């Protein structure tokens, strides 16, 4: 039987994609990681990674063993926690990832009661456009405007998020009211960068801003709101953010703005860990209380499970 230590090197390279990043995460040298991976491949009699300029990619064999290796890691972590007395209460670090505007405008104002009730809890908030990978345990809790694709993630839709078009009075006084039915000719639109991936408002915007010029693109909603408030152009924003941004007004459109679900996910192996279970339930409850502001006409959403 192969020792668990060998699989730690495999998981580190699978998660980080390069020997140097895996070495940094493990606290060892890069040659050590390369040597251990080569040894593991020899013992298994199979190639685990293909090497390219972009890093290490999992082979078919490696993809088949990844879930089992992750399960080994999860069992080892739970055994260590049980032996050391950790995770018997709501204490320790919980890593939460969401887009910047969700962390700043939604989560930030919600968290004080959670930390007051559980003073030994430490929240690590990752506010970024790139989605950290729950399946690879880059985060403990993730909030996304789309469903998670990994079977190892337990998820629940926790809110409905409405979008609308916003502009500043100074911009409207210069350009006039946009003619959305005609595609907004003569107007300036603030878009999102292509690396963000599919966005909920893409198809709808194609109808109402087809003839507008895209003057600037951003990789997040908050900088879009800032630019719109400065009079740069029109931005499509979550109503929760747009309505709260000073200097912006929501524009009437011929068809309602799109609505997207917010999903909260945790790794199935960690969902019953007290600190993660409690934090996830608190966040889900907080977003449910904000539902009217996030989308006034939304139907009630299900509760996050609290039981073990």
C-alpha atoms as a PDB file:
ATOM      1  CA  UNK A   1       0.000   0.000   0.000  1.00  0.00           C
ATOM      2  CA  UNK A   2       1.289   3.430  -0.910  1.00  0.00           C
ATOM      3  CA  UNK A   3       1.876   5.791   2.028  1.00  0.00           C
ATOM      4  CA  UNK A   4      -0.470   8.768   2.445  1.00  0.00           C
ATOM      5  CA  UNK A   5       2.521  11.119   2.244  1.00  0.00           C
ATOM      6  CA  UNK A   6       2.976  10.272  -1.449  1.00  0.00           C
ATOM      7  CA  UNK A   7      -0.564  11.379  -2.232  1.00  0.00           C
ATOM      8  CA  UNK A   8      -0.013  14.729  -0.539  1.00  0.00           C
ATOM      9  CA  UNK A   9       2.504  15.564  -3.254  1.00  0.00           C
ATOM     10  CA  UNK A  10       0.093  14.394  -5.948  1.00  0.00           C
ATOM     11  CA  UNK A  11      -2.726  16.558  -4.546  1.00  0.00           C
ATOM     12  CA  UNK A  12      -0.485  19.598  -4.196  1.00  0.00           C
ATOM     13  CA  UNK A  13       0.561  19.472  -7.857  1.00  0.00           C
ATOM     14  CA  UNK A  14      -3.027  18.775  -8.961  1.00  0.00           C
ATOM     15  CA  UNK A  15      -4.256  21.808  -7.027  1.00  0.00           C
ATOM     16  CA  UNK A  16      -1.514  24.321  -7.819  1.00  0.00           C
ATOM     17  CA  UNK A  17      -0.556  23.230 -11.327  1.00  0.00           C
ATOM     18  CA  UNK A  18       3.216  23.685 -11.047  1.00  0.00           C
ATOM     19  CA  UNK A  19       6.042  22.103  -9.084  1.00  0.00           C
ATOM     20  CA  UNK A  20       7.159  25.441  -7.658  1.00  0.00           C
ATOM     21  CA  UNK A  21       3.682  26.363  -6.372  1.00  0.00           C
ATOM     22  CA  UNK A  22       3.193  22.879  -4.928  1.00  0.00           C
ATOM     23  CA  UNK A  23       6.593  23.058  -3.242  1.00  0.00           C
ATOM     24  CA  UNK A  24       5.722  26.398  -1.667  1.00  0.00           C
ATOM     25  CA  UNK A  25       2.428  25.037  -0.354  1.00  0.00           C
ATOM     26  CA  UNK A  26       4.122  21.945   1.096  1.00  0.00           C
ATOM     27  CA  UNK A  27       7.128  23.818   2.493  1.00  0.00           C
ATOM     28  CA  UNK A  28       9.667  21.752   0.536  1.00  0.00           C
ATOM     29  CA  UNK A  29      11.924  22.337  -2.466  1.00  0.00           C
ATOM     30  CA  UNK A  30      10.822  22.068  -6.073  1.00  0.00           C
ATOM     31  CA  UNK A  31      13.208  19.174  -6.871  1.00  0.00           C
ATOM     32  CA  UNK A  32      11.722  17.261  -3.944  1.00  0.00           C
ATOM     33  CA  UNK A  33       8.224  17.565  -5.383  1.00  0.00           C
ATOM     34  CA  UNK A  34       9.417  16.531  -8.828  1.00  0.00           C
ATOM     35  CA  UNK A  35      11.253  13.530  -7.420  1.00  0.00           C
ATOM     36  CA  UNK A  36       8.287  12.385  -5.334  1.00  0.00           C
ATOM     37  CA  UNK A  37       5.898  12.658  -8.270  1.00  0.00           C
ATOM     38  CA  UNK A  38       8.275  10.639 -10.458  1.00  0.00           C
ATOM     39  CA  UNK A  39       8.561   7.998  -7.738  1.00  0.00           C
ATOM     40  CA  UNK A  40       4.800   7.798  -7.384  1.00  0.00           C
ATOM     41  CA  UNK A  41       4.364   7.396 -11.145  1.00  0.00           C
ATOM     42  CA  UNK A  42       6.945   4.593 -11.136  1.00  0.00           C
ATOM     43  CA  UNK A  43       5.219   2.809  -8.264  1.00  0.00           C
ATOM     44  CA  UNK A  44       1.828   3.078  -9.957  1.00  0.00           C
ATOM     45  CA  UNK A  45       3.180   2.265 -13.395  1.00  0.00           C
ATOM     46  CA  UNK A  46       1.238   5.163 -14.905  1.00  0.00           C
ATOM     47  CA  UNK A  47       1.796   8.761 -15.918  1.00  0.00           C
ATOM     48  CA  UNK A  48      -0.117  11.166 -13.662  1.00  0.00           C
ATOM     49  CA  UNK A  49       0.604  14.507 -15.325  1.00  0.00           C
ATOM     50  CA  UNK A  50       1.333  15.866 -18.761  1.00  0.00           C
ATOM     51  CA  UNK A  51       3.910  18.657 -18.702  1.00  0.00           C
ATOM     52  CA  UNK A  52       3.436  21.805 -20.806  1.00  0.00           C
ATOM     53  CA  UNK A  53       4.294  25.488 -20.789  1.00  0.00           C
ATOM     54  CA  UNK A  54       1.056  26.103 -18.881  1.00  0.00           C
ATOM     55  CA  UNK A  55       1.986  23.709 -16.072  1.00  0.00           C
ATOM     56  CA  UNK A  56       0.997  20.194 -15.071  1.00  0.00           C
ATOM     57  CA  UNK A  57      -2.288  18.758 -16.371  1.00  0.00           C
ATOM     58  CA  UNK A  58      -3.955  15.647 -14.946  1.00  0.00           C
ATOM     59  CA  UNK A  59      -3.965  12.563 -17.150  1.00  0.00           C
ATOM     60  CA  UNK A  60      -6.991  10.307 -17.433  1.00  0.00           C
ATOM     61  CA  UNK A  61      -5.494   7.973 -14.821  1.00  0.00           C
ATOM     62  CA  UNK A  62      -4.884  10.874 -12.440  1.00  0.00           C
ATOM     63  CA  UNK A  63      -8.400  12.218 -12.857  1.00  0.00           C
ATOM     64  CA  UNK A  64      -9.706   8.800 -11.888  1.00  0.00           C
ATOM     65  CA  UNK A  65      -7.676   8.694  -8.679  1.00  0.00           C
ATOM     66  CA  UNK A  66      -8.119  12.376  -7.707  1.00  0.00           C
ATOM     67  CA  UNK A  67     -11.414  11.907  -5.875  1.00  0.00           C
ATOM     68  CA  UNK A  68     -10.028   8.981  -3.896  1.00  0.00           C
ATOM     69  CA  UNK A  69      -6.912  10.937  -2.945  1.00  0.00           C
ATOM     70  CA  UNK A  70      -9.068  13.866  -1.819  1.00  0.00           C
ATOM     71  CA  UNK A  71     -11.172  11.481   0.270  1.00  0.00           C
ATOM     72  CA  UNK A  72      -7.980  10.169   1.912  1.00  0.00           C
ATOM     73  CA  UNK A  73      -6.946  13.737   2.707  1.00  0.00           C
ATOM     74  CA  UNK A  74     -10.357  14.556   4.164  1.00  0.00           C
ATOM     75  CA  UNK A  75     -10.381  11.459   6.367  1.00  0.00           C
ATOM     76  CA  UNK A  76      -6.862  12.236   7.561  1.00  0.00           C
ATOM     77  CA  UNK A  77      -7.830  15.814   8.377  1.00  0.00           C
ATOM     78  CA  UNK A  78     -10.911  14.700  10.318  1.00  0.00           C
ATOM     79  CA  UNK A  79      -8.903  12.120  12.244  1.00  0.00           C
ATOM     80  CA  UNK A  80      -6.308  14.753  13.134  1.00  0.00           C
ATOM     81  CA  UNK A  81      -8.997  17.208  14.217  1.00  0.00           C
ATOM     82  CA  UNK A  82     -10.742  14.585  16.343  1.00  0.00           C
ATOM     83  CA  UNK A  83      -7.472  13.547  18.000  1.00  0.00           C
ATOM     84  CA  UNK A  84      -6.419  17.118  18.771  1.00  0.00           C
ATOM     85  CA  UNK A  85      -9.853  18.210  19.980  1.00  0.00           C
ATOM     86  CA  UNK A  86     -10.331  20.675  17.158  1.00  0.00           C
ATOM     87  CA  UNK A  87     -13.684  21.147  15.405  1.00  0.00           C
ATOM     88  CA  UNK A  88     -15.543  20.121  18.551  1.00  0.00           C
ATOM     89  CA  UNK A  89     -16.755  23.708  18.778  1.00  0.00           C
ATOM     90  CA  UNK A  90     -17.164  26.739  16.542  1.00  0.00           C
ATOM     91  CA  UNK A  91     -13.555  27.848  16.458  1.00  0.00           C
ATOM     92  CA  UNK A  92     -10.704  28.088  13.974  1.00  0.00           C
ATOM     93  CA  UNK A  93     -10.340  29.525  10.486  1.00  0.00           C
ATOM     94  CA  UNK A  94     -13.033  29.514   7.801  1.00  0.00           C
ATOM     95  CA  UNK A  95     -12.117  30.653   4.292  1.00  0.00           C
ATOM     96  CA  UNK A  96     -14.961  32.344   2.419  1.00  0.00           C
ATOM     97  CA  UNK A  97     -14.735  33.371  -1.235  1.00  0.00           C
ATOM     98  CA  UNK A  98     -17.069  35.606  -3.225  1.00  0.00           C
ATOM     99  CA  UNK A  99     -16.838  38.440  -5.704  1.00  0.00           C
ATOM    100  CA  UNK A 100     -15.505  41.734  -4.399  1.00  0.00           C
ATOM    101  CA  UNK A 101     -18.833  43.535  -4.303  1.00  0.00           C
ATOM    102  CA  UNK A 102     -20.514  40.653  -2.446  1.00  0.00           C
ATOM    103  CA  UNK A 103     -17.768  40.617   0.198  1.00  0.00           C
ATOM    104  CA  UNK A 104     -17.741  44.390   0.634  1.00  0.00           C
ATOM    105  CA  UNK A 105     -21.412  45.312   0.315  1.00  0.00           C
ATOM    106  CA  UNK A 106     -23.228  42.152   1.410  1.00  0.00           C
ATOM    107  CA  UNK A 107     -21.089  39.939   3.642  1.00  0.00           C
ATOM    108  CA  UNK A 108     -19.099  42.649   5.419  1.00  0.00           C
ATOM    109  CA  UNK A 109     -22.063  44.317   7.139  1.00  0.00           C
ATOM    110  CA  UNK A 110     -23.512  40.908   8.141  1.00  0.00           C
ATOM    111  CA  UNK A 111     -20.624  39.304   9.986  1.00  0.00           C
ATOM    112  CA  UNK A 112     -20.348  41.184  13.299  1.00  0.00           C
ATOM    113  CA  UNK A 113     -23.020  39.119  15.140  1.00  0.00           C
ATOM    114  CA  UNK A 114     -21.410  35.850  14.012  1.00  0.00           C
ATOM    115  CA  UNK A 115     -18.000  36.863  15.338  1.00  0.00           C
ATOM    116  CA  UNK A 116     -19.508  38.248  18.545  1.00  0.00           C
ATOM    117  CA  UNK A 117     -21.290  34.966  19.226  1.00  0.00           C
ATOM    118  CA  UNK A 118     -18.231  32.875  18.351  1.00  0.00           C
ATOM    119  CA  UNK A 119     -15.133  34.823  19.470  1.00  0.00           C
ATOM    120  CA  UNK A 120     -12.758  31.980  18.593  1.00  0.00           C
ATOM    121  CA  UNK A 121     -13.888  31.902  14.968  1.00  0.00           C
ATOM    122  CA  UNK A 122     -11.541  33.451  12.377  1.00  0.00           C
ATOM    123  CA  UNK A 123     -12.949  34.352   8.967  1.00  0.00           C
ATOM    124  CA  UNK A 124     -10.643  34.652   5.968  1.00  0.00           C
ATOM    125  CA  UNK A 125     -12.439  36.523   3.169  1.00  0.00           C
ATOM    126  CA  UNK A 126     -11.215  36.186  -0.414  1.00  0.00           C
ATOM    127  CA  UNK A 127     -12.761  38.962  -2.501  1.00  0.00           C
ATOM    128  CA  UNK A 128     -11.872  38.336  -6.130  1.00  0.00           C
ATOM    129  CA  UNK A 129     -13.371  37.727  -9.523  1.00  0.00           C
ATOM    130  CA  UNK A 130     -11.583  34.383  -9.932  1.00  0.00           C
ATOM    131  CA  UNK A 131     -13.530  31.536  -8.410  1.00  0.00           C
ATOM    132  CA  UNK A 132     -11.517  29.618  -5.831  1.00  0.00           C
ATOM    133  CA  UNK A 133     -11.995  25.880  -6.178  1.00  0.00           C
ATOM    134  CA  UNK A 134     -14.002  24.220  -3.405  1.00  0.00           C
ATOM    135  CA  UNK A 135     -13.310  20.762  -4.809  1.00  0.00           C
ATOM    136  CA  UNK A 136      -9.584  21.414  -4.379  1.00  0.00           C
ATOM    137  CA  UNK A 137     -10.229  22.910  -0.926  1.00  0.00           C
ATOM    138  CA  UNK A 138      -8.938  26.362  -1.868  1.00  0.00           C
ATOM    139  CA  UNK A 139     -11.828  27.708   0.234  1.00  0.00           C
ATOM    140  CA  UNK A 140     -14.310  26.343   2.776  1.00  0.00           C
ATOM    141  CA  UNK A 141     -17.373  28.335   1.693  1.00  0.00           C
ATOM    142  CA  UNK A 142     -18.019  29.876  -1.708  1.00  0.00           C
ATOM    143  CA  UNK A 143     -20.785  32.168  -2.944  1.00  0.00           C
ATOM    144  CA  UNK A 144     -21.305  32.249  -6.703  1.00  0.00           C
ATOM    145  CA  UNK A 145     -23.905  33.463  -9.214  1.00  0.00           C
ATOM    146  CA  UNK A 146     -23.937  30.003 -10.841  1.00  0.00           C
ATOM    147  CA  UNK A 147     -24.157  26.377  -9.774  1.00  0.00           C
ATOM    148  CA  UNK A 148     -21.086  24.388  -8.787  1.00  0.00           C
ATOM    149  CA  UNK A 149     -20.171  21.569 -11.148  1.00  0.00           C
ATOM    150  CA  UNK A 150     -18.353  19.202  -8.782  1.00  0.00           C
ATOM    151  CA  UNK A 151     -20.173  16.328  -7.108  1.00  0.00           C
ATOM    152  CA  UNK A 152     -17.983  16.868  -4.049  1.00  0.00           C
ATOM    153  CA  UNK A 153     -19.683  20.244  -3.371  1.00  0.00           C
ATOM    154  CA  UNK A 154     -22.889  20.511  -1.350  1.00  0.00           C
ATOM    155  CA  UNK A 155     -24.782  23.572  -2.577  1.00  0.00           C
ATOM    156  CA  UNK A 156     -27.984  25.499  -2.068  1.00  0.00           C
ATOM    157  CA  UNK A 157     -29.540  28.494  -3.846  1.00  0.00           C
ATOM    158  CA  UNK A 158     -29.719  31.148  -1.118  1.00  0.00           C
ATOM    159  CA  UNK A 159     -30.893  34.328  -2.861  1.00  0.00           C
ATOM    160  CA  UNK A 160     -32.172  35.793  -6.108  1.00  0.00           C
ATOM    161  CA  UNK A 161     -30.174  38.704  -7.478  1.00  0.00           C
ATOM    162  CA  UNK A 162     -31.740  41.309  -9.757  1.00  0.00           C
ATOM    163  CA  UNK A 163     -29.782  43.442 -12.223  1.00  0.00           C
ATOM    164  CA  UNK A 164     -30.528  46.834 -13.769  1.00  0.00           C
ATOM    165  CA  UNK A 165     -28.939  49.644 -15.772  1.00  0.00           C
ATOM    166  CA  UNK A 166     -27.507  52.634 -13.903  1.00  0.00           C
ATOM    167  CA  UNK A 167     -26.085  56.015 -14.847  1.00  0.00           C
ATOM    168  CA  UNK A 168     -25.193  59.342 -13.188  1.00  0.00           C
ATOM    169  CA  UNK A 169     -27.204  62.535 -13.640  1.00  0.00           C
ATOM    170  CA  UNK A 170     -24.125  64.250 -15.057  1.00  0.00           C
ATOM    171  CA  UNK A 171     -23.854  61.592 -17.765  1.00  0.00           C
ATOM    172  CA  UNK A 172     -27.569  61.778 -18.611  1.00  0.00           C
ATOM    173  CA  UNK A 173     -27.460  65.572 -18.841  1.00  0.00           C
ATOM    174  CA  UNK A 174     -24.686  65.277 -21.444  1.00  0.00           C
ATOM    175  CA  UNK A 175     -26.023  62.341 -23.453  1.00  0.00           C
ATOM    176  CA  UNK A 176     -29.741  62.444 -22.829  1.00  0.00           C
ATOM    177  CA  UNK A 177     -31.969  59.489 -21.990  1.00  0.00           C
ATOM    178  CA  UNK A 178     -30.948  56.317 -23.820  1.00  0.00           C
ATOM    179  CA  UNK A 179     -33.346  54.872 -26.379  1.00  0.00           C
ATOM    180  CA  UNK A 180     -33.108  51.254 -25.256  1.00  0.00           C
ATOM    181  CA  UNK A 181     -35.641  50.019 -27.822  1.00  0.00           C
ATOM    182  CA  UNK A 182     -33.239  51.221 -30.529  1.00  0.00           C
ATOM    183  CA  UNK A 183     -30.097  49.774 -28.933  1.00  0.00           C
ATOM    184  CA  UNK A 184     -28.978  53.016 -27.178  1.00  0.00           C
ATOM    185  CA  UNK A 185     -27.204  54.756 -30.108  1.00  0.00           C
ATOM    186  CA  UNK A 186     -24.898  57.595 -29.070  1.00  0.00           C
ATOM    187  CA  UNK A 187     -24.386  56.227 -25.568  1.00  0.00           C
ATOM    188  CA  UNK A 188     -21.424  54.780 -23.713  1.00  0.00           C
ATOM    189  CA  UNK A 189     -21.555  51.444 -21.911  1.00  0.00           C
ATOM    190  CA  UNK A 190     -19.248  50.099 -19.183  1.00  0.00           C
ATOM    191  CA  UNK A 191     -18.735  46.371 -19.767  1.00  0.00           C
ATOM    192  CA  UNK A 192     -16.973  43.414 -18.179  1.00  0.00           C
ATOM    193  CA  UNK A 193     -13.695  41.857 -19.288  1.00  0.00           C
ATOM    194  CA  UNK A 194     -13.861  38.688 -21.351  1.00  0.00           C
ATOM    195  CA  UNK A 195     -11.917  36.611 -18.814  1.00  0.00           C
ATOM    196  CA  UNK A 196     -14.807  36.729 -16.342  1.00  0.00           C
ATOM    197  CA  UNK A 197     -16.658  34.147 -18.416  1.00  0.00           C
ATOM    198  CA  UNK A 198     -20.412  33.974 -19.121  1.00  0.00           C
ATOM    199  CA  UNK A 199     -22.361  36.697 -17.344  1.00  0.00           C
ATOM    200  CA  UNK A 200     -26.071  36.824 -16.649  1.00  0.00           C
ATOM    201  CA  UNK A 201     -26.713  40.133 -18.404  1.00  0.00           C
ATOM    202  CA  UNK A 202     -24.968  39.352 -21.708  1.00  0.00           C
ATOM    203  CA  UNK A 203     -28.025  38.390 -23.779  1.00  0.00           C
ATOM    204  CA  UNK A 204     -30.233  41.097 -22.275  1.00  0.00           C
ATOM    205  CA  UNK A 205     -27.626  43.799 -22.865  1.00  0.00           C
ATOM    206  CA  UNK A 206     -27.378  42.718 -26.487  1.00  0.00           C
ATOM    207  CA  UNK A 207     -30.957  43.897 -26.882  1.00  0.00           C
ATOM    208  CA  UNK A 208     -30.844  47.244 -25.053  1.00  0.00           C
ATOM    209  CA  UNK A 209     -27.266  48.425 -25.721  1.00  0.00           C
ATOM    210  CA  UNK A 210     -26.497  46.875 -29.120  1.00  0.00           C
ATOM    211  CA  UNK A 211     -25.613  50.268 -30.670  1.00  0.00           C
ATOM    212  CA  UNK A 212     -23.833  51.756 -27.649  1.00  0.00           C
ATOM    213  CA  UNK A 213     -20.042  52.132 -27.586  1.00  0.00           C
ATOM    214  CA  UNK A 214     -18.153  50.083 -24.964  1.00  0.00           C
ATOM    215  CA  UNK A 215     -15.706  52.643 -23.576  1.00  0.00           C
ATOM    216  CA  UNK A 216     -14.170  50.618 -20.754  1.00  0.00           C
ATOM    217  CA  UNK A 217     -14.281  47.084 -19.352  1.00  0.00           C
ATOM    218  CA  UNK A 218     -13.776  45.979 -15.761  1.00  0.00           C
ATOM    219  CA  UNK A 219     -13.265  42.626 -14.057  1.00  0.00           C
ATOM    220  CA  UNK A 220     -15.763  43.389 -11.288  1.00  0.00           C
ATOM    221  CA  UNK A 221     -19.026  45.160 -10.545  1.00  0.00           C
ATOM    222  CA  UNK A 222     -17.647  47.601  -7.961  1.00  0.00           C
ATOM    223  CA  UNK A 223     -15.276  49.404 -10.343  1.00  0.00           C
ATOM    224  CA  UNK A 224     -18.139  49.518 -12.867  1.00  0.00           C
ATOM    225  CA  UNK A 225     -20.308  51.272 -10.281  1.00  0.00           C
ATOM    226  CA  UNK A 226     -17.506  53.727  -9.486  1.00  0.00           C
ATOM    227  CA  UNK A 227     -17.014  54.608 -13.149  1.00  0.00           C
ATOM    228  CA  UNK A 228     -20.740  54.991 -13.736  1.00  0.00           C
ATOM    229  CA  UNK A 229     -21.050  57.296 -10.722  1.00  0.00           C
ATOM    230  CA  UNK A 230     -18.201  59.388 -12.155  1.00  0.00           C
ATOM    231  CA  UNK A 231     -20.236  59.916 -15.323  1.00  0.00           C
ATOM    232  CA  UNK A 232     -18.229  57.652 -17.627  1.00  0.00           C
ATOM    233  CA  UNK A 233     -21.202  55.698 -18.949  1.00  0.00           C
ATOM    234  CA  UNK A 234     -24.030  53.256 -18.275  1.00  0.00           C
ATOM    235  CA  UNK A 235     -23.376  50.108 -16.238  1.00  0.00           C
ATOM    236  CA  UNK A 236     -25.360  46.955 -15.621  1.00  0.00           C
ATOM    237  CA  UNK A 237     -25.196  46.345 -11.864  1.00  0.00           C
ATOM    238  CA  UNK A 238     -26.829  44.220  -9.205  1.00  0.00           C
ATOM    239  CA  UNK A 239     -29.631  46.421  -7.888  1.00  0.00           C
ATOM    240  CA  UNK A 240     -28.353  45.925  -4.349  1.00  0.00           C
ATOM    241  CA  UNK A 241     -25.086  47.587  -5.387  1.00  0.00           C
ATOM    242  CA  UNK A 242     -26.469  50.123  -7.856  1.00  0.00           C
ATOM    243  CA  UNK A 243     -29.186  51.383  -5.516  1.00  0.00           C
ATOM    244  CA  UNK A 244     -26.634  51.896  -2.731  1.00  0.00           C
ATOM    245  CA  UNK A 245     -24.038  53.740  -4.859  1.00  0.00           C
ATOM    246  CA  UNK A 246     -24.287  57.532  -4.359  1.00  0.00           C
ATOM    247  CA  UNK A 247     -24.864  59.458  -7.569  1.00  0.00           C
ATOM    248  CA  UNK A 248     -26.430  56.610  -9.539  1.00  0.00           C
ATOM    249  CA  UNK A 249     -30.015  56.243 -10.661  1.00  0.00           C
ATOM    250  CA  UNK A 250     -31.676  53.162 -12.071  1.00  0.00           C
ATOM    251  CA  UNK A 251     -32.900  53.582 -15.638  1.00  0.00           C
ATOM    252  CA  UNK A 252     -36.282  52.332 -16.824  1.00  0.00           C
ATOM    253  CA  UNK A 253     -35.895  49.622 -19.470  1.00  0.00           C
ATOM    254  CA  UNK A 254     -38.453  48.161 -21.896  1.00  0.00           C
ATOM    255  CA  UNK A 255     -37.973  44.681 -20.400  1.00  0.00           C
ATOM    256  CA  UNK A 256     -37.095  43.803 -16.788  1.00  0.00           C
ATOM    257  CA  UNK A 257     -33.451  43.294 -15.944  1.00  0.00           C
ATOM    258  CA  UNK A 258     -32.147  39.726 -15.586  1.00  0.00           C
ATOM    259  CA  UNK A 259     -32.291  37.798 -12.332  1.00  0.00           C
ATOM    260  CA  UNK A 260     -29.644  35.350 -11.209  1.00  0.00           C
ATOM    261  CA  UNK A 261     -29.500  32.950  -8.294  1.00  0.00           C
ATOM    262  CA  UNK A 262     -26.722  33.158  -5.742  1.00  0.00           C
ATOM    263  CA  UNK A 263     -25.437  29.730  -4.716  1.00  0.00           C
ATOM    264  CA  UNK A 264     -23.623  28.867  -1.511  1.00  0.00           C
ATOM    265  CA  UNK A 265     -21.418  25.798  -1.569  1.00  0.00           C
ATOM    266  CA  UNK A 266     -19.218  23.849   0.832  1.00  0.00           C
ATOM    267  CA  UNK A 267     -17.184  20.699   0.354  1.00  0.00           C
ATOM    268  CA  UNK A 268     -19.288  17.678   1.308  1.00  0.00           C
ATOM    269  CA  UNK A 269     -16.501  16.320   3.498  1.00  0.00           C
ATOM    270  CA  UNK A 270     -16.445  19.551   5.535  1.00  0.00           C
ATOM    271  CA  UNK A 271     -20.113  20.577   5.672  1.00  0.00           C
ATOM    272  CA  UNK A 272     -20.624  19.023   9.134  1.00  0.00           C
ATOM    273  CA  UNK A 273     -17.526  20.630  10.637  1.00  0.00           C
ATOM    274  CA  UNK A 274     -19.031  22.936  13.286  1.00  0.00           C
ATOM    275  CA  UNK A 275     -17.201  26.125  12.290  1.00  0.00           C
ATOM    276  CA  UNK A 276     -18.059  25.670   8.600  1.00  0.00           C
ATOM    277  CA  UNK A 277     -21.633  24.506   9.175  1.00  0.00           C
ATOM    278  CA  UNK A 278     -22.333  27.433  11.522  1.00  0.00           C
ATOM    279  CA  UNK A 279     -20.722  30.031   9.241  1.00  0.00           C
ATOM    280  CA  UNK A 280     -22.546  28.747   6.148  1.00  0.00           C
ATOM    281  CA  UNK A 281     -25.926  28.769   7.927  1.00  0.00           C
ATOM    282  CA  UNK A 282     -25.314  32.295   9.240  1.00  0.00           C
ATOM    283  CA  UNK A 283     -24.392  33.628   5.794  1.00  0.00           C
ATOM    284  CA  UNK A 284     -27.379  31.931   4.162  1.00  0.00           C
ATOM    285  CA  UNK A 285     -29.743  33.350   6.799  1.00  0.00           C
ATOM    286  CA  UNK A 286     -28.262  36.827   6.363  1.00  0.00           C
ATOM    287  CA  UNK A 287     -28.719  36.789   2.605  1.00  0.00           C
ATOM    288  CA  UNK A 288     -32.255  35.526   3.002  1.00  0.00           C
ATOM    289  CA  UNK A 289     -33.034  38.514   5.252  1.00  0.00           C
ATOM    290  CA  UNK A 290     -31.707  40.772   2.476  1.00  0.00           C
ATOM    291  CA  UNK A 291     -33.825  39.099  -0.196  1.00  0.00           C
ATOM    292  CA  UNK A 292     -36.193  42.031  -0.620  1.00  0.00           C
ATOM    293  CA  UNK A 293     -33.270  44.355  -1.318  1.00  0.00           C
ATOM    294  CA  UNK A 294     -31.497  41.831  -3.544  1.00  0.00           C
ATOM    295  CA  UNK A 295     -34.666  41.155  -5.559  1.00  0.00           C
ATOM    296  CA  UNK A 296     -38.000  42.385  -4.182  1.00  0.00           C
ATOM    297  CA  UNK A 297     -40.176  40.023  -6.195  1.00  0.00           C
ATOM    298  CA  UNK A 298     -38.164  36.884  -5.466  1.00  0.00           C
ATOM    299  CA  UNK A 299     -39.859  33.846  -3.983  1.00  0.00           C
ATOM    300  CA  UNK A 300     -38.632  32.579  -0.608  1.00  0.00           C
ATOM    301  CA  UNK A 301     -35.565  30.365  -0.786  1.00  0.00           C
ATOM    302  CA  UNK A 302     -34.769  27.262   1.226  1.00  0.00           C
ATOM    303  CA  UNK A 303     -32.937  27.359   4.533  1.00  0.00           C
ATOM    304  CA  UNK A 304     -29.359  26.156   4.889  1.00  0.00           C
ATOM    305  CA  UNK A 305     -29.389  22.894   6.891  1.00  0.00           C
ATOM    306  CA  UNK A 306     -28.110  23.267  10.458  1.00  0.00           C
ATOM    307  CA  UNK A 307     -28.324  19.676  11.667  1.00  0.00           C
ATOM    308  CA  UNK A 308     -25.466  17.266  11.683  1.00  0.00           C
END
